[in-house]
């Protein structure tokens, strides 16, 4: 499958959209250059400058965002023409975003070219039989993680979103797959919807779980989900290290990653890892 992104001119303003199940994360691509890994190693092993940089983060709600909020953000980051690269795991939200971009382009008489990102647009080898069925957010994060890992080391990516993923990139830079489990909100919703007596429990992502034992039904649910997901993530990372080796870098990202930070003490926290991965697709298009 050939890359679908046409060449991007150095003068183009490039905007990025990570369309998730709960939020649409928007950003401006500030620097699309990717440093040579060998040069970074000669400079003391630093890898921070090897990745493109993004700024002007803005979030919309995937279900029901207001087009006016999108236009307001566009006016602050790109007064004229722009290229918008969209990576999506929520088709309905992506279609609505693309329609809103097209409307702004038509009614405000400004050029907003938009393109969907596919797996072939990323600098990543995928060792799976059906790469087109893998969430593009997982692949974008893996592409960025591979560049962050030291030469010859694998990477383990923990993405704490609506669904939690723990993915693996080999020492040779190949996406190997990983594990997917519900995030705290989905766990709580499944208990509330699948039982007749258990209440819905909110705000589990931001707070540490209560001490055991939970002294009420709400506390018991919060303890079960909170300690359960922390233990699950720690165990999945441990199993991934068995395969990749102890030198594999662990990278933590996602909206509620702070709740599991202490069970992954040596992890590198990159809040905008998926957006950075999408930016790598822009970097490839700029290089052509």
Protein backbone atom coordinates (compact mmCIF):
# COMPACT_ATOMS: atom_id res chain seq x y z
CA UNK A 1 0.00 0.00 0.00
CA UNK A 2 1.56 3.31 -1.09
CA UNK A 3 1.51 6.43 1.06
CA UNK A 4 -1.66 8.48 0.56
CA UNK A 5 -0.30 11.88 1.59
CA UNK A 6 0.72 14.21 -1.25
CA UNK A 7 3.96 16.18 -0.83
CA UNK A 8 3.73 18.99 1.72
CA UNK A 9 5.53 22.25 0.96
CA UNK A 10 7.83 23.75 3.61
CA UNK A 11 5.60 26.84 3.67
CA UNK A 12 2.42 24.88 4.40
CA UNK A 13 0.83 25.16 7.83
CA UNK A 14 0.29 21.57 8.96
CA UNK A 15 -2.41 20.72 11.49
CA UNK A 16 -2.87 17.33 13.13
CA UNK A 17 -6.03 15.62 14.38
CA UNK A 18 -6.10 12.51 16.58
CA UNK A 19 -9.75 11.42 16.56
CA UNK A 20 -10.32 9.13 19.52
CA UNK A 21 -13.34 7.49 21.07
CA UNK A 22 -13.84 10.28 23.60
CA UNK A 23 -11.83 13.27 22.39
CA UNK A 24 -10.50 14.81 19.21
CA UNK A 25 -6.99 16.07 19.94
CA UNK A 26 -5.85 18.89 17.64
CA UNK A 27 -2.37 20.36 17.33
CA UNK A 28 -0.14 22.52 15.16
CA UNK A 29 2.99 20.93 13.70
CA UNK A 30 5.84 23.25 14.72
CA UNK A 31 8.88 21.39 13.46
CA UNK A 32 8.61 18.47 11.05
CA UNK A 33 12.31 17.61 10.91
CA UNK A 34 13.51 14.31 12.33
CA UNK A 35 17.17 14.12 13.33
CA UNK A 36 19.50 11.37 12.21
CA UNK A 37 19.63 8.77 15.06
CA UNK A 38 23.40 8.31 14.65
CA UNK A 39 23.93 12.05 15.07
CA UNK A 40 21.87 12.02 18.26
CA UNK A 41 23.98 9.20 19.68
CA UNK A 42 27.17 11.14 18.94
CA UNK A 43 25.74 14.03 20.92
CA UNK A 44 25.61 12.06 24.15
CA UNK A 45 22.76 9.74 23.27
CA UNK A 46 20.00 12.34 23.46
CA UNK A 47 16.97 11.46 21.38
CA UNK A 48 14.60 14.30 22.27
CA UNK A 49 15.36 16.32 19.11
CA UNK A 50 14.77 13.35 16.82
CA UNK A 51 11.01 13.80 16.98
CA UNK A 52 8.88 16.50 15.36
CA UNK A 53 7.30 18.94 17.78
CA UNK A 54 3.68 20.03 18.17
CA UNK A 55 1.98 22.88 19.99
CA UNK A 56 -1.35 24.72 20.37
CA UNK A 57 -3.11 21.60 21.68
CA UNK A 58 -6.88 21.82 21.69
CA UNK A 59 -9.46 19.16 22.51
CA UNK A 60 -12.96 18.68 21.17
CA UNK A 61 -15.55 16.15 22.29
CA UNK A 62 -15.74 13.35 19.73
CA UNK A 63 -19.50 13.06 20.04
CA UNK A 64 -21.19 16.41 19.61
CA UNK A 65 -18.41 18.98 19.32
CA UNK A 66 -19.43 22.44 18.13
CA UNK A 67 -18.04 23.43 14.72
CA UNK A 68 -17.65 27.00 16.03
CA UNK A 69 -15.09 25.77 18.57
CA UNK A 70 -13.13 24.15 15.75
CA UNK A 71 -13.24 27.34 13.69
CA UNK A 72 -12.12 29.44 16.66
CA UNK A 73 -9.07 27.21 17.11
CA UNK A 74 -8.31 27.28 13.38
CA UNK A 75 -8.33 31.07 13.46
CA UNK A 76 -5.69 31.10 16.21
CA UNK A 77 -3.28 28.66 14.55
CA UNK A 78 -3.76 29.15 10.81
CA UNK A 79 -5.13 32.38 9.47
CA UNK A 80 -4.79 31.24 5.86
CA UNK A 81 -4.37 27.93 4.08
CA UNK A 82 -3.42 24.74 5.89
CA UNK A 83 -3.06 20.98 5.49
CA UNK A 84 -4.96 18.89 8.06
CA UNK A 85 -3.81 15.30 8.66
CA UNK A 86 -6.49 13.19 10.35
CA UNK A 87 -5.90 9.88 12.13
CA UNK A 88 -9.08 8.30 13.44
CA UNK A 89 -10.41 5.35 15.42
CA UNK A 90 -13.92 6.88 15.54
CA UNK A 91 -15.36 7.02 12.03
CA UNK A 92 -18.48 9.04 12.80
CA UNK A 93 -16.48 11.69 14.66
CA UNK A 94 -13.87 11.84 11.88
CA UNK A 95 -16.56 12.32 9.22
CA UNK A 96 -18.11 15.14 11.25
CA UNK A 97 -14.70 16.78 11.72
CA UNK A 98 -13.93 16.54 8.01
CA UNK A 99 -17.34 18.00 7.14
CA UNK A 100 -16.74 20.90 9.52
CA UNK A 101 -13.31 21.55 7.98
CA UNK A 102 -14.82 21.49 4.49
CA UNK A 103 -17.53 23.94 5.55
CA UNK A 104 -15.00 26.37 7.01
CA UNK A 105 -12.93 26.08 3.85
CA UNK A 106 -15.92 26.78 1.60
CA UNK A 107 -17.70 29.48 3.56
CA UNK A 108 -14.61 31.39 4.72
CA UNK A 109 -12.84 31.10 1.34
CA UNK A 110 -9.68 29.58 2.77
CA UNK A 111 -7.84 26.48 1.61
CA UNK A 112 -8.01 23.66 4.15
CA UNK A 113 -6.70 20.52 2.45
CA UNK A 114 -7.32 17.39 4.49
CA UNK A 115 -6.03 13.83 4.33
CA UNK A 116 -6.64 10.67 6.34
CA UNK A 117 -3.53 8.96 7.72
CA UNK A 118 -3.16 5.22 7.09
CA UNK A 119 -0.65 2.71 8.40
CA UNK A 120 1.47 2.98 5.23
CA UNK A 121 2.04 6.70 5.92
CA UNK A 122 4.00 5.94 9.09
CA UNK A 123 7.72 5.04 9.32
CA UNK A 124 6.97 1.71 10.96
CA UNK A 125 7.21 -1.92 9.94
CA UNK A 126 4.17 -3.89 11.08
CA UNK A 127 4.55 -7.58 11.77
CA UNK A 128 0.85 -8.41 11.71
CA UNK A 129 -1.25 -10.21 9.13
CA UNK A 130 -3.85 -7.42 8.83
CA UNK A 131 -2.19 -4.08 9.61
CA UNK A 132 -5.15 -2.13 8.21
CA UNK A 133 -7.27 -3.43 11.09
CA UNK A 134 -4.98 -2.08 13.81
CA UNK A 135 -6.00 1.21 15.41
CA UNK A 136 -4.05 4.02 13.76
CA UNK A 137 -3.54 5.60 17.20
CA UNK A 138 -1.62 2.51 18.34
CA UNK A 139 0.55 2.56 15.22
CA UNK A 140 1.23 6.30 15.39
CA UNK A 141 2.28 5.98 19.04
CA UNK A 142 4.50 3.01 18.18
CA UNK A 143 6.21 4.92 15.35
CA UNK A 144 7.08 7.77 17.71
CA UNK A 145 8.13 5.36 20.47
CA UNK A 146 10.55 3.58 18.16
CA UNK A 147 12.42 6.84 17.55
CA UNK A 148 12.53 7.56 21.27
CA UNK A 149 14.05 4.17 22.08
CA UNK A 150 17.84 3.89 22.04
CA UNK A 151 19.38 2.15 19.07
CA UNK A 152 18.87 -1.61 19.33
CA UNK A 153 16.30 -1.38 22.13
CA UNK A 154 12.63 -2.22 21.98
CA UNK A 155 9.76 -0.10 23.24
CA UNK A 156 6.65 -0.77 25.31
CA UNK A 157 3.86 1.78 24.90
CA UNK A 158 1.19 2.16 27.57
CA UNK A 159 -1.66 4.35 26.31
CA UNK A 160 -4.26 5.20 28.94
CA UNK A 161 -7.35 6.19 26.99
CA UNK A 162 -10.97 5.10 26.73
CA UNK A 163 -9.42 1.72 25.94
CA UNK A 164 -6.05 0.96 27.51
CA UNK A 165 -3.37 -0.50 25.26
CA UNK A 166 0.03 -1.99 26.00
CA UNK A 167 1.92 -2.40 22.74
CA UNK A 168 5.36 -3.63 21.76
CA UNK A 169 7.95 -2.52 19.21
CA UNK A 170 10.85 -4.88 18.65
CA UNK A 171 14.55 -4.03 18.87
CA UNK A 172 14.51 -3.92 15.06
CA UNK A 173 11.68 -1.39 14.97
CA UNK A 174 8.79 -3.71 14.12
CA UNK A 175 5.32 -3.30 15.60
CA UNK A 176 4.52 -6.65 17.21
CA UNK A 177 1.03 -6.03 18.59
CA UNK A 178 0.11 -6.02 22.24
CA UNK A 179 -2.85 -6.06 24.61
CA UNK A 180 -6.10 -4.09 24.84
CA UNK A 181 -8.27 -3.76 27.93
CA UNK A 182 -11.02 -1.37 29.00
CA UNK A 183 -10.12 1.89 30.63
CA UNK A 184 -11.55 2.70 34.09
CA UNK A 185 -14.69 4.40 32.74
CA UNK A 186 -15.57 1.45 30.51
CA UNK A 187 -15.05 -0.94 33.42
CA UNK A 188 -17.36 1.13 35.62
CA UNK A 189 -19.99 1.42 32.88
CA UNK A 190 -19.97 -2.32 32.27
CA UNK A 191 -20.60 -3.01 35.97
CA UNK A 192 -23.44 -0.49 36.12
CA UNK A 193 -25.06 -1.66 32.88
CA UNK A 194 -24.52 -5.37 33.41
CA UNK A 195 -25.93 -5.59 36.95
CA UNK A 196 -29.14 -4.48 38.63
CA UNK A 197 -27.76 -3.17 41.94
CA UNK A 198 -24.29 -1.79 41.30
CA UNK A 199 -24.13 2.00 40.86
CA UNK A 200 -22.15 3.94 38.27
CA UNK A 201 -18.89 5.31 39.67
CA UNK A 202 -17.34 8.34 38.00
CA UNK A 203 -13.95 10.12 38.10
CA UNK A 204 -11.88 6.95 38.46
CA UNK A 205 -9.21 8.07 36.01
CA UNK A 206 -7.85 11.01 37.93
CA UNK A 207 -7.74 9.73 41.50
CA UNK A 208 -5.71 7.02 43.12
CA UNK A 209 -7.84 4.03 44.20
CA UNK A 210 -9.04 3.91 47.79
CA UNK A 211 -7.24 1.74 50.30
CA UNK A 212 -8.48 -1.79 50.72
CA UNK A 213 -11.01 -2.75 51.90
CA UNK A 214 -13.58 -0.49 50.29
CA UNK A 215 -16.07 0.50 53.00
CA UNK A 216 -19.00 1.13 50.66
CA UNK A 217 -20.17 -0.24 47.33
CA UNK A 218 -18.76 2.81 45.54
CA UNK A 219 -15.42 2.45 47.30
CA UNK A 220 -15.33 -1.28 46.56
CA UNK A 221 -15.90 -0.63 42.84
CA UNK A 222 -13.28 2.12 42.80
CA UNK A 223 -10.80 -0.16 44.58
CA UNK A 224 -11.50 -3.08 42.29
CA UNK A 225 -11.14 -1.08 39.11
CA UNK A 226 -8.31 1.16 40.31
CA UNK A 227 -6.06 -1.52 41.79
CA UNK A 228 -7.10 -4.01 39.13
CA UNK A 229 -6.10 -1.88 36.17
CA UNK A 230 -2.85 -0.82 37.84
CA UNK A 231 -1.98 -4.45 38.47
CA UNK A 232 -2.98 -5.47 34.96
CA UNK A 233 -0.80 -2.80 33.34
CA UNK A 234 2.18 -3.63 35.55
CA UNK A 235 1.85 -7.33 34.71
CA UNK A 236 1.47 -6.69 30.97
CA UNK A 237 4.60 -4.51 30.97
CA UNK A 238 6.46 -7.22 32.88
CA UNK A 239 5.44 -9.83 30.29
CA UNK A 240 6.43 -7.50 27.44
CA UNK A 241 9.88 -7.08 29.01
CA UNK A 242 10.31 -10.86 29.06
CA UNK A 243 10.02 -10.81 25.28
CA UNK A 244 11.85 -7.57 24.44
CA UNK A 245 14.51 -7.60 27.13
CA UNK A 246 15.17 -5.51 30.22
CA UNK A 247 16.53 -2.58 28.18
CA UNK A 248 13.21 -1.95 26.45
CA UNK A 249 12.01 1.59 27.11
CA UNK A 250 8.54 2.03 28.62
CA UNK A 251 6.60 5.05 27.32
CA UNK A 252 3.45 6.25 29.06
CA UNK A 253 0.80 8.40 27.43
CA UNK A 254 -2.95 9.06 27.53
CA UNK A 255 -5.40 11.19 29.45
CA UNK A 256 -5.31 9.35 32.78
CA UNK A 257 -1.72 8.06 32.78
CA UNK A 258 -1.07 9.86 36.06
CA UNK A 259 -3.15 7.22 37.85
CA UNK A 260 -0.65 4.47 36.94
CA UNK A 261 2.55 6.52 36.93
CA UNK A 262 3.80 5.09 40.22
CA UNK A 263 3.54 1.44 39.05
CA UNK A 264 5.81 2.24 36.08
CA UNK A 265 8.53 4.25 37.87
CA UNK A 266 11.04 4.28 35.01
CA UNK A 267 8.59 5.11 32.25
CA UNK A 268 9.04 8.12 29.97
CA UNK A 269 5.85 10.18 29.94
CA UNK A 270 4.96 11.72 26.56
CA UNK A 271 1.48 13.32 26.70
CA UNK A 272 1.18 13.88 22.93
CA UNK A 273 2.73 10.64 21.71
CA UNK A 274 -0.03 9.84 19.19
CA UNK A 275 0.00 13.37 17.75
CA UNK A 276 3.79 13.14 17.47
CA UNK A 277 3.39 9.90 15.56
CA UNK A 278 0.93 11.56 13.19
CA UNK A 279 3.50 14.32 12.73
CA UNK A 280 5.97 11.70 11.51
CA UNK A 281 3.65 11.09 8.56
CA UNK A 282 3.87 14.79 7.77
CA UNK A 283 7.67 14.60 8.08
CA UNK A 284 7.76 11.88 5.43
CA UNK A 285 5.57 13.92 3.11
CA UNK A 286 7.72 17.03 3.63
CA UNK A 287 10.85 15.03 2.76
CA UNK A 288 9.56 13.98 -0.65
